[in-house]
């Protein structure tokens, strides 16, 4: 079994209203010196195979088809 983590973030240049809201809220709570905040999402998956190359290919296909909107989002995959 292989554990995979997919991290999806908005591409640079894409507006991130949730990140802006978090940035404003942190300022209102007294946190200073916070730069640009970008919000994202994380998916943890268990792939039932011992073949890392196969697992990575499957997870990449999942990202391309469902987990990430590749027009506006980037993703990274890490396997363990």
PDB file of N, CA and C in Angstrom:
ATOM      1  N   UNK A   1       0.846  -1.174   0.000  1.00  0.00           N
ATOM      2  CA  UNK A   1       0.000   0.000   0.000  1.00  0.00           C
ATOM      3  C   UNK A   1       0.895   1.243   0.000  1.00  0.00           C
ATOM      4  N   UNK A   2       0.537   2.212  -0.801  1.00  0.00           N
ATOM      5  CA  UNK A   2       1.295   3.457  -0.911  1.00  0.00           C
ATOM      6  C   UNK A   2       0.390   4.605  -0.485  1.00  0.00           C
ATOM      7  N   UNK A   3       0.916   5.475   0.365  1.00  0.00           N
ATOM      8  CA  UNK A   3       0.195   6.675   0.775  1.00  0.00           C
ATOM      9  C   UNK A   3       0.596   7.816  -0.143  1.00  0.00           C
ATOM     10  N   UNK A   4      -0.393   8.560  -0.590  1.00  0.00           N
ATOM     11  CA  UNK A   4      -0.149   9.703  -1.466  1.00  0.00           C
ATOM     12  C   UNK A   4      -0.778  10.937  -0.856  1.00  0.00           C
ATOM     13  N   UNK A   5      -0.090  12.052  -1.005  1.00  0.00           N
ATOM     14  CA  UNK A   5      -0.644  13.348  -0.598  1.00  0.00           C
ATOM     15  C   UNK A   5      -0.610  14.259  -1.809  1.00  0.00           C
ATOM     16  N   UNK A   6      -1.772  14.833  -2.115  1.00  0.00           N
ATOM     17  CA  UNK A   6      -1.904  15.777  -3.219  1.00  0.00           C
ATOM     18  C   UNK A   6      -2.197  17.147  -2.612  1.00  0.00           C
ATOM     19  N   UNK A   7      -1.387  18.127  -2.968  1.00  0.00           N
ATOM     20  CA  UNK A   7      -1.602  19.497  -2.525  1.00  0.00           C
ATOM     21  C   UNK A   7      -1.991  20.325  -3.737  1.00  0.00           C
ATOM     22  N   UNK A   8      -3.151  20.967  -3.649  1.00  0.00           N
ATOM     23  CA  UNK A   8      -3.683  21.754  -4.756  1.00  0.00           C
ATOM     24  C   UNK A   8      -3.704  23.223  -4.337  1.00  0.00           C
ATOM     25  N   UNK A   9      -3.123  24.086  -5.164  1.00  0.00           N
ATOM     26  CA  UNK A   9      -3.107  25.520  -4.894  1.00  0.00           C
ATOM     27  C   UNK A   9      -3.481  26.277  -6.164  1.00  0.00           C
ATOM     28  N   UNK A  10      -3.974  27.486  -5.957  1.00  0.00           N
ATOM     29  CA  UNK A  10      -4.292  28.330  -7.108  1.00  0.00           C
ATOM     30  C   UNK A  10      -3.012  28.776  -7.797  1.00  0.00           C
ATOM     31  N   UNK A  11      -3.057  28.892  -9.104  1.00  0.00           N
ATOM     32  CA  UNK A  11      -1.912  29.383  -9.857  1.00  0.00           C
ATOM     33  C   UNK A  11      -1.684  30.851  -9.533  1.00  0.00           C
ATOM     34  N   UNK A  12      -0.428  31.293  -9.666  1.00  0.00           N
ATOM     35  CA  UNK A  12      -0.127  32.708  -9.483  1.00  0.00           C
ATOM     36  C   UNK A  12      -0.939  33.519 -10.477  1.00  0.00           C
ATOM     37  N   UNK A  13      -1.457  34.634 -10.017  1.00  0.00           N
ATOM     38  CA  UNK A  13      -2.247  35.495 -10.879  1.00  0.00           C
ATOM     39  C   UNK A  13      -3.738  35.242 -10.792  1.00  0.00           C
ATOM     40  N   UNK A  14      -4.140  34.115 -10.211  1.00  0.00           N
ATOM     41  CA  UNK A  14      -5.558  33.817 -10.029  1.00  0.00           C
ATOM     42  C   UNK A  14      -5.997  34.433  -8.702  1.00  0.00           C
ATOM     43  N   UNK A  15      -7.071  35.210  -8.733  1.00  0.00           N
ATOM     44  CA  UNK A  15      -7.558  35.837  -7.511  1.00  0.00           C
ATOM     45  C   UNK A  15      -7.948  34.779  -6.491  1.00  0.00           C
ATOM     46  N   UNK A  16      -7.641  35.070  -5.209  1.00  0.00           N
ATOM     47  CA  UNK A  16      -7.918  34.131  -4.122  1.00  0.00           C
ATOM     48  C   UNK A  16      -8.698  34.867  -3.027  1.00  0.00           C
ATOM     49  N   UNK A  17     -10.028  35.004  -3.177  1.00  0.00           N
ATOM     50  CA  UNK A  17     -10.803  35.751  -2.195  1.00  0.00           C
ATOM     51  C   UNK A  17     -10.764  35.131  -0.795  1.00  0.00           C
ATOM     52  N   UNK A  18     -10.693  33.816  -0.713  1.00  0.00           N
ATOM     53  CA  UNK A  18     -10.629  33.185   0.611  1.00  0.00           C
ATOM     54  C   UNK A  18      -9.287  33.503   1.278  1.00  0.00           C
ATOM     55  N   UNK A  19      -8.212  33.498   0.521  1.00  0.00           N
ATOM     56  CA  UNK A  19      -6.916  33.871   1.065  1.00  0.00           C
ATOM     57  C   UNK A  19      -6.915  35.309   1.558  1.00  0.00           C
ATOM     58  N   UNK A  20      -7.548  36.219   0.785  1.00  0.00           N
ATOM     59  CA  UNK A  20      -7.646  37.619   1.198  1.00  0.00           C
ATOM     60  C   UNK A  20      -8.456  37.755   2.487  1.00  0.00           C
ATOM     61  N   UNK A  21      -9.540  36.984   2.615  1.00  0.00           N
ATOM     62  CA  UNK A  21     -10.357  37.029   3.822  1.00  0.00           C
ATOM     63  C   UNK A  21      -9.565  36.548   5.039  1.00  0.00           C
ATOM     64  N   UNK A  22      -8.785  35.499   4.855  1.00  0.00           N
ATOM     65  CA  UNK A  22      -7.948  34.987   5.942  1.00  0.00           C
ATOM     66  C   UNK A  22      -6.897  36.023   6.322  1.00  0.00           C
ATOM     67  N   UNK A  23      -6.293  36.642   5.337  1.00  0.00           N
ATOM     68  CA  UNK A  23      -5.293  37.683   5.575  1.00  0.00           C
ATOM     69  C   UNK A  23      -5.889  38.826   6.399  1.00  0.00           C
ATOM     70  N   UNK A  24      -7.095  39.273   6.031  1.00  0.00           N
ATOM     71  CA  UNK A  24      -7.768  40.344   6.773  1.00  0.00           C
ATOM     72  C   UNK A  24      -8.123  39.924   8.189  1.00  0.00           C
ATOM     73  N   UNK A  25      -8.584  38.692   8.346  1.00  0.00           N
ATOM     74  CA  UNK A  25      -8.962  38.199   9.672  1.00  0.00           C
ATOM     75  C   UNK A  25      -7.745  38.104  10.587  1.00  0.00           C
ATOM     76  N   UNK A  26      -6.628  37.655  10.059  1.00  0.00           N
ATOM     77  CA  UNK A  26      -5.415  37.579  10.878  1.00  0.00           C
ATOM     78  C   UNK A  26      -4.974  38.969  11.324  1.00  0.00           C
ATOM     79  N   UNK A  27      -5.083  39.955  10.417  1.00  0.00           N
ATOM     80  CA  UNK A  27      -4.760  41.327  10.781  1.00  0.00           C
ATOM     81  C   UNK A  27      -5.675  41.843  11.875  1.00  0.00           C
ATOM     82  N   UNK A  28      -6.966  41.529  11.775  1.00  0.00           N
ATOM     83  CA  UNK A  28      -7.931  41.952  12.782  1.00  0.00           C
ATOM     84  C   UNK A  28      -7.669  41.291  14.133  1.00  0.00           C
ATOM     85  N   UNK A  29      -7.056  40.121  14.111  1.00  0.00           N
ATOM     86  CA  UNK A  29      -6.727  39.422  15.362  1.00  0.00           C
ATOM     87  C   UNK A  29      -5.401  39.890  15.952  1.00  0.00           C
ATOM     88  N   UNK A  30      -4.755  40.841  15.298  1.00  0.00           N
ATOM     89  CA  UNK A  30      -3.534  41.411  15.835  1.00  0.00           C
ATOM     90  C   UNK A  30      -2.246  40.816  15.303  1.00  0.00           C
ATOM     91  N   UNK A  31      -2.330  39.915  14.354  1.00  0.00           N
ATOM     92  CA  UNK A  31      -1.119  39.351  13.753  1.00  0.00           C
ATOM     93  C   UNK A  31      -0.591  40.331  12.720  1.00  0.00           C
ATOM     94  N   UNK A  32       0.675  40.717  12.853  1.00  0.00           N
ATOM     95  CA  UNK A  32       1.264  41.709  11.965  1.00  0.00           C
ATOM     96  C   UNK A  32       2.329  41.071  11.084  1.00  0.00           C
ATOM     97  N   UNK A  33       2.636  41.747   9.997  1.00  0.00           N
ATOM     98  CA  UNK A  33       3.694  41.285   9.120  1.00  0.00           C
ATOM     99  C   UNK A  33       3.318  40.089   8.265  1.00  0.00           C
ATOM    100  N   UNK A  34       2.033  39.856   8.091  1.00  0.00           N
ATOM    101  CA  UNK A  34       1.578  38.734   7.262  1.00  0.00           C
ATOM    102  C   UNK A  34       1.514  39.210   5.818  1.00  0.00           C
ATOM    103  N   UNK A  35       2.199  38.500   4.955  1.00  0.00           N
ATOM    104  CA  UNK A  35       2.180  38.838   3.537  1.00  0.00           C
ATOM    105  C   UNK A  35       0.988  38.188   2.858  1.00  0.00           C
ATOM    106  N   UNK A  36       1.129  37.960   1.609  1.00  0.00           N
ATOM    107  CA  UNK A  36       0.060  37.368   0.817  1.00  0.00           C
ATOM    108  C   UNK A  36      -0.233  35.949   1.287  1.00  0.00           C
ATOM    109  N   UNK A  37      -1.497  35.655   1.519  1.00  0.00           N
ATOM    110  CA  UNK A  37      -1.920  34.306   1.909  1.00  0.00           C
ATOM    111  C   UNK A  37      -2.652  33.678   0.731  1.00  0.00           C
ATOM    112  N   UNK A  38      -2.265  32.458   0.402  1.00  0.00           N
ATOM    113  CA  UNK A  38      -2.931  31.694  -0.650  1.00  0.00           C
ATOM    114  C   UNK A  38      -3.545  30.458  -0.006  1.00  0.00           C
ATOM    115  N   UNK A  39      -4.787  30.231  -0.256  1.00  0.00           N
ATOM    116  CA  UNK A  39      -5.521  29.106   0.309  1.00  0.00           C
ATOM    117  C   UNK A  39      -5.449  27.934  -0.656  1.00  0.00           C
ATOM    118  N   UNK A  40      -5.422  26.726  -0.132  1.00  0.00           N
ATOM    119  CA  UNK A  40      -5.379  25.541  -0.980  1.00  0.00           C
ATOM    120  C   UNK A  40      -6.129  24.387  -0.332  1.00  0.00           C
ATOM    121  N   UNK A  41      -5.895  23.197  -0.860  1.00  0.00           N
ATOM    122  CA  UNK A  41      -6.532  22.002  -0.295  1.00  0.00           C
ATOM    123  C   UNK A  41      -5.560  20.830  -0.382  1.00  0.00           C
ATOM    124  N   UNK A  42      -5.760  19.862   0.511  1.00  0.00           N
ATOM    125  CA  UNK A  42      -4.885  18.688   0.585  1.00  0.00           C
ATOM    126  C   UNK A  42      -5.758  17.439   0.548  1.00  0.00           C
ATOM    127  N   UNK A  43      -5.323  16.464  -0.244  1.00  0.00           N
ATOM    128  CA  UNK A  43      -5.990  15.161  -0.315  1.00  0.00           C
ATOM    129  C   UNK A  43      -4.991  14.095   0.104  1.00  0.00           C
ATOM    130  N   UNK A  44      -5.355  13.245   1.048  1.00  0.00           N
ATOM    131  CA  UNK A  44      -4.546  12.089   1.442  1.00  0.00           C
ATOM    132  C   UNK A  44      -5.241  10.840   0.919  1.00  0.00           C
ATOM    133  N   UNK A  45      -4.501  10.034   0.164  1.00  0.00           N
ATOM    134  CA  UNK A  45      -5.068   8.827  -0.443  1.00  0.00           C
ATOM    135  C   UNK A  45      -4.207   7.617  -0.115  1.00  0.00           C
ATOM    136  N   UNK A  46      -4.826   6.466  -0.046  1.00  0.00           N
ATOM    137  CA  UNK A  46      -4.107   5.203   0.061  1.00  0.00           C
ATOM    138  C   UNK A  46      -4.342   4.439  -1.239  1.00  0.00           C
ATOM    139  N   UNK A  47      -3.255   4.106  -1.906  1.00  0.00           N
ATOM    140  CA  UNK A  47      -3.326   3.382  -3.170  1.00  0.00           C
ATOM    141  C   UNK A  47      -2.897   1.945  -2.908  1.00  0.00           C
ATOM    142  N   UNK A  48      -3.737   1.000  -3.259  1.00  0.00           N
ATOM    143  CA  UNK A  48      -3.473  -0.407  -2.972  1.00  0.00           C
ATOM    144  C   UNK A  48      -2.627  -1.033  -4.077  1.00  0.00           C
ATOM    145  N   UNK A  49      -1.350  -0.682  -4.050  1.00  0.00           N
ATOM    146  CA  UNK A  49      -0.355  -1.256  -4.954  1.00  0.00           C
ATOM    147  C   UNK A  49       1.009  -1.075  -4.306  1.00  0.00           C
ATOM    148  N   UNK A  50       1.960  -1.876  -4.712  1.00  0.00           N
ATOM    149  CA  UNK A  50       3.333  -1.711  -4.235  1.00  0.00           C
ATOM    150  C   UNK A  50       4.190  -0.991  -5.280  1.00  0.00           C
ATOM    151  N   UNK A  51       3.621  -0.759  -6.446  1.00  0.00           N
ATOM    152  CA  UNK A  51       4.332  -0.147  -7.569  1.00  0.00           C
ATOM    153  C   UNK A  51       4.193   1.377  -7.500  1.00  0.00           C
ATOM    154  N   UNK A  52       5.289   2.052  -7.113  1.00  0.00           N
ATOM    155  CA  UNK A  52       5.234   3.510  -6.951  1.00  0.00           C
ATOM    156  C   UNK A  52       4.935   4.221  -8.270  1.00  0.00           C
ATOM    157  N   UNK A  53       5.500   3.752  -9.357  1.00  0.00           N
ATOM    158  CA  UNK A  53       5.270   4.396 -10.649  1.00  0.00           C
ATOM    159  C   UNK A  53       3.795   4.304 -11.037  1.00  0.00           C
ATOM    160  N   UNK A  54       3.198   3.145 -10.807  1.00  0.00           N
ATOM    161  CA  UNK A  54       1.776   2.959 -11.111  1.00  0.00           C
ATOM    162  C   UNK A  54       0.927   3.853 -10.219  1.00  0.00           C
ATOM    163  N   UNK A  55       1.257   3.914  -8.929  1.00  0.00           N
ATOM    164  CA  UNK A  55       0.507   4.746  -7.992  1.00  0.00           C
ATOM    165  C   UNK A  55       0.580   6.210  -8.402  1.00  0.00           C
ATOM    166  N   UNK A  56       1.790   6.668  -8.755  1.00  0.00           N
ATOM    167  CA  UNK A  56       1.947   8.068  -9.146  1.00  0.00           C
ATOM    168  C   UNK A  56       1.151   8.370 -10.413  1.00  0.00           C
ATOM    169  N   UNK A  57       1.159   7.469 -11.364  1.00  0.00           N
ATOM    170  CA  UNK A  57       0.403   7.670 -12.603  1.00  0.00           C
ATOM    171  C   UNK A  57      -1.096   7.737 -12.323  1.00  0.00           C
ATOM    172  N   UNK A  58      -1.577   6.875 -11.437  1.00  0.00           N
ATOM    173  CA  UNK A  58      -3.000   6.876 -11.092  1.00  0.00           C
ATOM    174  C   UNK A  58      -3.393   8.169 -10.386  1.00  0.00           C
ATOM    175  N   UNK A  59      -2.564   8.608  -9.440  1.00  0.00           N
ATOM    176  CA  UNK A  59      -2.871   9.835  -8.708  1.00  0.00           C
ATOM    177  C   UNK A  59      -2.826  11.036  -9.647  1.00  0.00           C
ATOM    178  N   UNK A  60      -1.867  11.051 -10.573  1.00  0.00           N
ATOM    179  CA  UNK A  60      -1.804  12.142 -11.546  1.00  0.00           C
ATOM    180  C   UNK A  60      -3.076  12.174 -12.387  1.00  0.00           C
ATOM    181  N   UNK A  61      -3.552  11.007 -12.811  1.00  0.00           N
ATOM    182  CA  UNK A  61      -4.789  10.942 -13.592  1.00  0.00           C
ATOM    183  C   UNK A  61      -5.974  11.451 -12.766  1.00  0.00           C
ATOM    184  N   UNK A  62      -5.999  11.114 -11.484  1.00  0.00           N
ATOM    185  CA  UNK A  62      -7.066  11.605 -10.600  1.00  0.00           C
ATOM    186  C   UNK A  62      -7.044  13.125 -10.521  1.00  0.00           C
ATOM    187  N   UNK A  63      -5.848  13.689 -10.419  1.00  0.00           N
ATOM    188  CA  UNK A  63      -5.707  15.145 -10.348  1.00  0.00           C
ATOM    189  C   UNK A  63      -6.190  15.805 -11.628  1.00  0.00           C
ATOM    190  N   UNK A  64      -5.773  15.250 -12.749  1.00  0.00           N
ATOM    191  CA  UNK A  64      -6.124  15.833 -14.040  1.00  0.00           C
ATOM    192  C   UNK A  64      -7.627  15.749 -14.320  1.00  0.00           C
ATOM    193  N   UNK A  65      -8.276  14.692 -13.808  1.00  0.00           N
ATOM    194  CA  UNK A  65      -9.693  14.478 -14.109  1.00  0.00           C
ATOM    195  C   UNK A  65     -10.643  15.031 -13.060  1.00  0.00           C
ATOM    196  N   UNK A  66     -10.196  15.140 -11.773  1.00  0.00           N
ATOM    197  CA  UNK A  66     -11.155  15.506 -10.736  1.00  0.00           C
ATOM    198  C   UNK A  66     -10.593  16.399  -9.630  1.00  0.00           C
ATOM    199  N   UNK A  67      -9.453  16.041  -9.076  1.00  0.00           N
ATOM    200  CA  UNK A  67      -8.997  16.694  -7.851  1.00  0.00           C
ATOM    201  C   UNK A  67      -8.544  18.133  -8.052  1.00  0.00           C
ATOM    202  N   UNK A  68      -8.070  18.483  -9.236  1.00  0.00           N
ATOM    203  CA  UNK A  68      -7.598  19.839  -9.500  1.00  0.00           C
ATOM    204  C   UNK A  68      -8.221  20.369 -10.788  1.00  0.00           C
ATOM    205  N   UNK A  69      -8.549  21.638 -10.760  1.00  0.00           N
ATOM    206  CA  UNK A  69      -8.974  22.326 -11.982  1.00  0.00           C
ATOM    207  C   UNK A  69      -7.701  22.900 -12.589  1.00  0.00           C
ATOM    208  N   UNK A  70      -7.120  22.186 -13.528  1.00  0.00           N
ATOM    209  CA  UNK A  70      -5.789  22.530 -14.022  1.00  0.00           C
ATOM    210  C   UNK A  70      -5.752  23.838 -14.817  1.00  0.00           C
ATOM    211  N   UNK A  71      -6.893  24.422 -15.096  1.00  0.00           N
ATOM    212  CA  UNK A  71      -6.914  25.735 -15.750  1.00  0.00           C
ATOM    213  C   UNK A  71      -6.454  26.798 -14.754  1.00  0.00           C
ATOM    214  N   UNK A  72      -6.870  26.677 -13.491  1.00  0.00           N
ATOM    215  CA  UNK A  72      -6.557  27.706 -12.492  1.00  0.00           C
ATOM    216  C   UNK A  72      -5.759  27.184 -11.301  1.00  0.00           C
ATOM    217  N   UNK A  73      -5.513  25.871 -11.234  1.00  0.00           N
ATOM    218  CA  UNK A  73      -4.843  25.303 -10.068  1.00  0.00           C
ATOM    219  C   UNK A  73      -3.607  24.493 -10.476  1.00  0.00           C
ATOM    220  N   UNK A  74      -2.616  24.502  -9.595  1.00  0.00           N
ATOM    221  CA  UNK A  74      -1.451  23.620  -9.691  1.00  0.00           C
ATOM    222  C   UNK A  74      -1.617  22.525  -8.649  1.00  0.00           C
ATOM    223  N   UNK A  75      -0.932  21.419  -8.852  1.00  0.00           N
ATOM    224  CA  UNK A  75      -0.939  20.372  -7.838  1.00  0.00           C
ATOM    225  C   UNK A  75       0.444  19.738  -7.730  1.00  0.00           C
ATOM    226  N   UNK A  76       0.727  19.231  -6.537  1.00  0.00           N
ATOM    227  CA  UNK A  76       1.944  18.456  -6.314  1.00  0.00           C
ATOM    228  C   UNK A  76       1.536  17.132  -5.684  1.00  0.00           C
ATOM    229  N   UNK A  77       2.303  16.110  -5.993  1.00  0.00           N
ATOM    230  CA  UNK A  77       2.052  14.760  -5.478  1.00  0.00           C
ATOM    231  C   UNK A  77       3.272  14.312  -4.713  1.00  0.00           C
ATOM    232  N   UNK A  78       3.056  13.783  -3.499  1.00  0.00           N
ATOM    233  CA  UNK A  78       4.157  13.136  -2.778  1.00  0.00           C
ATOM    234  C   UNK A  78       3.685  11.752  -2.358  1.00  0.00           C
ATOM    235  N   UNK A  79       4.581  10.782  -2.526  1.00  0.00           N
ATOM    236  CA  UNK A  79       4.271   9.393  -2.210  1.00  0.00           C
ATOM    237  C   UNK A  79       5.147   8.925  -1.037  1.00  0.00           C
ATOM    238  N   UNK A  80       4.567   8.079  -0.206  1.00  0.00           N
ATOM    239  CA  UNK A  80       5.325   7.496   0.912  1.00  0.00           C
ATOM    240  C   UNK A  80       5.005   6.036   1.027  1.00  0.00           C
TER     241      UNK A  80
END
